[in-house]
Each structure stands twice: as structure tokens, then as C-alpha cells.
C-alpha atoms as a PDB file:
ATOM      1  CA  THR A   1     -16.411   6.857  -6.540  1.00  0.00           C
ATOM      2  CA  GLY A   2     -15.184   8.344  -3.190  1.00  0.00           C
ATOM      3  CA  LEU A   3     -13.272  11.038  -1.091  1.00  0.00           C
ATOM      4  CA  THR A   4     -11.627  11.646   1.914  1.00  0.00           C
ATOM      5  CA  GLY A   5     -11.920  15.177   3.933  1.00  0.00           C
ATOM      6  CA  ALA A   6     -14.686  17.468   3.554  1.00  0.00           C
ATOM      7  CA  HIS A   7     -16.884  17.410   0.347  1.00  0.00           C
ATOM      8  CA  GLN A   8     -16.430  21.089  -0.559  1.00  0.00           C
ATOM      9  CA  GLN A   9     -12.460  20.596  -0.357  1.00  0.00           C
ATOM     10  CA  PRO A  10     -11.633  16.947  -0.094  1.00  0.00           C
ATOM     11  CA  ASP A  11      -8.146  15.646   0.917  1.00  0.00           C
ATOM     12  CA  SER A  12      -8.315  13.099  -1.882  1.00  0.00           C
ATOM     13  CA  LEU A  13     -10.779  11.643  -4.519  1.00  0.00           C
ATOM     14  CA  ILE A  14     -10.790   8.028  -5.630  1.00  0.00           C
ATOM     15  CA  LEU A  15     -11.600   6.886  -8.984  1.00  0.00           C
ATOM     16  CA  ARG A  16     -12.455   3.648 -10.119  1.00  0.00           C
ATOM     17  CA  ASN A  17     -12.194   1.674 -13.432  1.00  0.00           C
ATOM     18  CA  HIS A  18     -12.161  -1.972 -13.742  1.00  0.00           C
ATOM     19  CA  ARG A  19     -12.466  -2.420 -10.284  1.00  0.00           C
ATOM     20  CA  LEU A  20      -9.099  -0.988  -9.645  1.00  0.00           C
ATOM     21  CA  HIS A  21      -8.527   2.389  -8.197  1.00  0.00           C
ATOM     22  CA  VAL A  22      -6.404   5.770  -8.605  1.00  0.00           C
ATOM     23  CA  GLU A  23      -6.345   8.163  -5.581  1.00  0.00           C
ATOM     24  CA  ILE A  24      -5.619  11.812  -6.345  1.00  0.00           C
ATOM     25  CA  VAL A  25      -4.290  13.485  -3.054  1.00  0.00           C
ATOM     26  CA  PHE A  26      -4.573  17.157  -2.555  1.00  0.00           C
ATOM     27  CA  ASP A  27      -2.228  19.221  -0.432  1.00  0.00           C
ATOM     28  CA  ARG A  28      -2.084  22.762  -1.372  1.00  0.00           C
ATOM     29  CA  ASN A  29       0.628  23.312   0.985  1.00  0.00           C
ATOM     30  CA  GLY A  30       2.849  20.110   0.006  1.00  0.00           C
ATOM     31  CA  SER A  31       6.040  19.818  -1.533  1.00  0.00           C
ATOM     32  CA  LEU A  32       4.179  19.003  -4.682  1.00  0.00           C
ATOM     33  CA  GLY A  33       0.711  20.531  -4.225  1.00  0.00           C
ATOM     34  CA  GLY A  34       1.978  23.842  -3.217  1.00  0.00           C
ATOM     35  CA  HIS A  35       3.439  24.279  -6.719  1.00  0.00           C
ATOM     36  CA  ALA A  36       0.685  23.003  -8.691  1.00  0.00           C
ATOM     37  CA  GLN A  37      -2.519  24.946  -9.754  1.00  0.00           C
ATOM     38  CA  ALA A  38      -4.898  22.219  -8.823  1.00  0.00           C
ATOM     39  CA  GLY A  39      -2.645  21.509  -5.598  1.00  0.00           C
ATOM     40  CA  ILE A  40      -2.174  17.774  -6.255  1.00  0.00           C
ATOM     41  CA  GLN A  41       0.196  16.243  -3.828  1.00  0.00           C
ATOM     42  CA  ASP A  42       0.413  12.445  -5.452  1.00  0.00           C
ATOM     43  CA  ILE A  43      -1.388  10.215  -7.294  1.00  0.00           C
ATOM     44  CA  ARG A  44      -1.637   6.826  -6.192  1.00  0.00           C
ATOM     45  CA  VAL A  45      -2.539   3.835  -8.558  1.00  0.00           C
ATOM     46  CA  GLU A  46      -3.713   0.427  -7.518  1.00  0.00           C
ATOM     47  CA  SER A  47      -2.033  -2.448  -9.726  1.00  0.00           C
ATOM     48  CA  ALA A  48      -3.723  -5.779 -10.197  1.00  0.00           C
ATOM     49  CA  ILE A  49      -1.210  -8.401  -9.127  1.00  0.00           C
ATOM     50  CA  THR A  50      -2.270 -11.882  -9.262  1.00  0.00           C
ATOM     51  CA  THR A  51       0.517 -14.208  -7.000  1.00  0.00           C
ATOM     52  CA  ILE A  52       0.840 -17.643  -6.724  1.00  0.00           C
ATOM     53  CA  MET A  53       1.887 -19.235  -3.549  1.00  0.00           C
ATOM     54  CA  ASP A  54       3.523 -22.387  -4.082  1.00  0.00           C
ATOM     55  CA  CYS A  55       5.591 -23.101  -0.296  1.00  0.00           C
ATOM     56  CA  GLU A  56       5.628 -26.954  -1.294  1.00  0.00           C
ATOM     57  CA  ASP A  57       7.964 -27.202  -4.213  1.00  0.00           C
ATOM     58  CA  SER A  58       9.509 -23.971  -3.771  1.00  0.00           C
ATOM     59  CA  VAL A  59      13.477 -23.775  -3.997  1.00  0.00           C
ATOM     60  CA  ALA A  60      13.576 -20.929  -1.244  1.00  0.00           C
ATOM     61  CA  ALA A  61      11.702 -22.976   1.283  1.00  0.00           C
ATOM     62  CA  VAL A  62      13.587 -26.510   1.402  1.00  0.00           C
ATOM     63  CA  ASP A  63      13.076 -27.658   5.114  1.00  0.00           C
ATOM     64  CA  ALA A  64      10.468 -26.966   7.496  1.00  0.00           C
ATOM     65  CA  GLU A  65      12.372 -24.390   9.055  1.00  0.00           C
ATOM     66  CA  ASP A  66      11.982 -22.145   5.871  1.00  0.00           C
ATOM     67  CA  LYS A  67       8.359 -23.153   5.429  1.00  0.00           C
ATOM     68  CA  LEU A  68       7.419 -22.267   8.575  1.00  0.00           C
ATOM     69  CA  GLU A  69       9.016 -18.673   7.995  1.00  0.00           C
ATOM     70  CA  VAL A  70       7.201 -18.296   4.240  1.00  0.00           C
ATOM     71  CA  TYR A  71       4.112 -19.355   5.986  1.00  0.00           C
ATOM     72  CA  ALA A  72       4.422 -16.658   8.965  1.00  0.00           C
ATOM     73  CA  ASN A  73       5.058 -14.197   6.500  1.00  0.00           C
ATOM     74  CA  TRP A  74       2.147 -15.168   4.394  1.00  0.00           C
ATOM     75  CA  LEU A  75      -0.185 -15.239   7.398  1.00  0.00           C
ATOM     76  CA  GLY A  76       1.217 -11.805   8.207  1.00  0.00           C
ATOM     77  CA  LEU A  77       0.358 -10.178   4.697  1.00  0.00           C
ATOM     78  CA  ILE A  78      -2.931 -11.739   4.985  1.00  0.00           C
ATOM     79  CA  ARG A  79      -3.808 -10.237   8.577  1.00  0.00           C
ATOM     80  CA  GLY A  80      -1.972  -6.936   7.711  1.00  0.00           C
ATOM     81  CA  ASP A  81       0.436  -7.210  10.631  1.00  0.00           C
ATOM     82  CA  LEU A  82       3.720  -8.092   8.767  1.00  0.00           C
ATOM     83  CA  ILE A  83       6.947  -6.304   9.977  1.00  0.00           C
ATOM     84  CA  ALA A  84      10.266  -6.692   8.696  1.00  0.00           C
ATOM     85  CA  GLU A  85      13.698  -5.111   9.706  1.00  0.00           C
ATOM     86  CA  VAL A  86      15.366  -3.711   6.701  1.00  0.00           C
ATOM     87  CA  SER A  87      19.058  -2.594   6.812  1.00  0.00           C
ATOM     88  CA  LYS A  88      20.518  -0.355   4.083  1.00  0.00           C
ATOM     89  CA  GLY A  89      23.781   1.752   4.119  1.00  0.00           C
ATOM     90  CA  GLY A  90      24.564   1.011   7.691  1.00  0.00           C
ATOM     91  CA  GLN A  91      20.973   2.254   9.082  1.00  0.00           C
ATOM     92  CA  SER A  92      18.376  -0.287  10.130  1.00  0.00           C
ATOM     93  CA  ARG A  93      14.358   0.374  10.182  1.00  0.00           C
ATOM     94  CA  GLN A  94      11.294  -1.295  10.432  1.00  0.00           C
ATOM     95  CA  ARG A  95       8.996  -1.796   7.517  1.00  0.00           C
ATOM     96  CA  SER A  96       5.231  -2.349   7.644  1.00  0.00           C
ATOM     97  CA  LEU A  97       1.969  -2.416   5.638  1.00  0.00           C
ATOM     98  CA  ASN A  98       0.048   0.708   5.547  1.00  0.00           C
ATOM     99  CA  PRO A  99      -3.649   0.891   7.272  1.00  0.00           C
ATOM    100  CA  ASP A 100      -6.595   0.217   5.466  1.00  0.00           C
ATOM    101  CA  LYS A 101      -7.684   3.329   3.692  1.00  0.00           C
ATOM    102  CA  THR A 102     -11.376   4.480   4.474  1.00  0.00           C
ATOM    103  CA  PHE A 103     -13.388   6.681   1.896  1.00  0.00           C
ATOM    104  CA  THR A 104     -16.811   8.372   1.940  1.00  0.00           C
ATOM    105  CA  ALA A 105     -18.804   7.351  -0.978  1.00  0.00           C
ATOM    106  CA  ALA A 106     -19.190  10.343  -3.625  1.00  0.00           C
END
């Protein structure tokens, strides 16, 4: 369906089946691709997820303040600018959405 990088030696190939995508990432110098004959560093599989967003009767959002936070997070997902502070093992870091990918038609 598509690729990134040069046509002669792509960085990745994108395949499509039933409107879902699989991206095969190549990196002959990578931690995995450097040891694989085909140079495959990673395989990323898109999943079909259906979510019902019900913030009106949700137990997680019982008052106006909770609902405001839920709707703000949902808006951040839709706009692609959601950022969350995550703490684990005494260390804190920010998590954010990956940027949209651009592929060239094959």
C-alpha cells in the first residue's frame, strides 16, 4: 500500500487488509534488524478498537469537575495533543501521542 524512505531501499512498508494496517520497519543497524537477514527491526500492527464514550452515567465521572476532566482528556485525544504525567518507580515522565505518520503510495 505504501512506504517511507526511498523506493529502492524503504525505511518501512505499509500493508493493508480490511482497512487495517501492518507496518514493517527496516533498520539494518538496529538492535533487532542488524541481526535479521531481511533487516526487519519492528512489525507494528494496527488494531480495530471501538469505544463507547459515556460520560453522563459513568461512575468514574460523578460530578461536574470529574466530567470536565474526562471531556478535556477526550478532546485531547481527538486533537492529538493529550499529554499525561506518569510516575513509576519514583521517576516521573510525560507521555504523549505519537505524531501522524506520512507514507508514499507504492
